[in-house]
Structure formats: structure tokens, C-alpha cells
Amino acid sequence: MRGAIRGFCRQRGLFNPVMSEKNGDFVVRFENVGLRYGLGPEVLQDIYFDLRPGSFHFLTGASGAGKSSLMKLMYLAMRPTRGSISLFGRDIAATSRRDLPALRRRVGVVFQEFRLLNHLSTFDNVALPLRIAGAREQELRKHVEELLTWVGLENHLKARPPTLSGGQQQRVAIARAVIARPRLLLADEPTGNVDDRMAYRLMHLFEELNRLGTTVVIATHNQQLVERLGHPVLHLDTGRLHTPSRNADAAEEPVATDDGPPLPYDPEVLNYL
């Protein structure tokens, strides 16, 4: 079954192994980055780190440490006050505004506040990235319905976000972020509104994407989750970045084989956890 499911996803063109990036094989590179808001003090100071293709990191730190600000820099919602950021081998400072949307489309983001479109149904919110990419309606319907079934929302396809609970909205936001299989996935507290069972279920989804080459960064306060899954940690403390466990250089190489658990798009994986 595993080979068949991976074959299905590769035929779709969304789960092919990620190819190496330019610029030293880094998906993200921060060099001496600082960020301040207005005339206030720097909220991020002297940030240096690299993310290799296929790596998986947790981003931790107390509230106010700068996690959300660091994520915003990575998904190009803002530019640093100083220093250099490269994304997929492109120096952001030297990239024209016309080219930025194409870079952003390679990044999937799970926002802490969800940012769903209230006038669209659950199905249409999740289908939006595929429609923007030009997917055929018949094709995307199957994939969206399978993914929403996997995250437990098969009975809410027509529901609009205001009628959903916080945990349900969070799962819609996660499904929307992963449906088009981004090269880089950034998730800000993606398990903050779900129970432990669903939290590990969603982490399995992230790990499956990572297994096939997606670079993943998860910002979280859930230390139990961090310790149980054992991925490298990037820790922010008052705006400075530390690596208290394994560092970025210790990240495993990307894996793209037919080994491992089935992909979440198979409805049979509902019984996996």
C-alpha cells in the first residue's frame, strides 16, 4: 500500500523529492539579522542560522521571545532592519517585488490566528492554493476531500469558518498550508487548540511531508511534543537564537524512499494513530 500511495502522490506532482537548492544547498539562510519595530529596541538580534532541504526544526522560546517575528521574516511578511536573508538561494534584498510572489508560493504557512477566509467554505479554503496553481477541479476535489477526512473534518466540508470551533479552524488552516506540498512549511503553534491525540496526528502529517523533502519549522510551546519527537531545536531567548539540543548542521539529510508509514492522503491512515 505504501508504494501505491506514494505513486499516487508523485503522479500528482506534489510529492516528488525536493531537489537541492542553490547557494550552498540552503532553503533559508539568515546572516547577522536584526529586526526592530519603529524606533523601539531590536526584537531580534544578530540572528545566524541555515536550514537545509529536508530538515525539520522546532522553534521554541517564551512568549515575546521573537518566534512570530522570526517566522514573519521567513515567509517574507516583512524585511529585516539589518542583515541578510536568503530564501531558496535568492537574496531577498536583491529580489524584485515582482519576483516575491513566486517565492512566497513555495512557502506554506500555518498562522497562529488561522487567517481563514470567512466567506469561503472549509472545502474552498483548503482548495484555494490548488486553484491558484491551476489544478483541475475534478482532481483537486479528490485530494481536498481526502485530506479533510484525514484531519477529521469530513462532515464539515461546506461549513464556513465562523461556525467551526478553534480546533477545527486550526485543522483547516493546516490542511490549506500543506495541500500544495510547499518546499518550506512554517507552522506557528499548529497544535495549540487541539487535544494531544490530534496534536500527534498532525505532527505525523508534518513528518510525512518532511520525509519526502519539505523543510519544516514548527514554532511551539509544547515541550513534551518537542522532547518526544526529538527533532533539532532552535531556541529564542530575548531576541537571540540558541541551539540547546541538536543544531541545524546536525539535521538529517532529506529522505525520499518507499519506506516508512503511509501518506495521510490515504483514508486508511485514519487508523494509523
Foldseek 3Di string as FASTA:
>chain_A
DLVVQLVVVVVVVQQAFDDAFPDVQFQKFWAQFWADDDPDDTLAGGDTDTAHWLFAEEEEEDPSLCPVVVVCCQLVVDDTPDTWMDGSNRTPVPDDPVCSVVSNLLEFEQDPQLPFDQVAFLLCSQCVSVVVVPDDPVVSVLQSLLLCVLLPNNVRRGPGVVVDDPLSSLSSSLSSRPSRLHQEYEYEASCVPDDPVSVVSSVVQVVVSSLSTRYYYYYHPPVVVCVVVVGWYWYGDSNYTDGPDDGSVPTDDHHRDSDDDHHSSDSVCSPVD
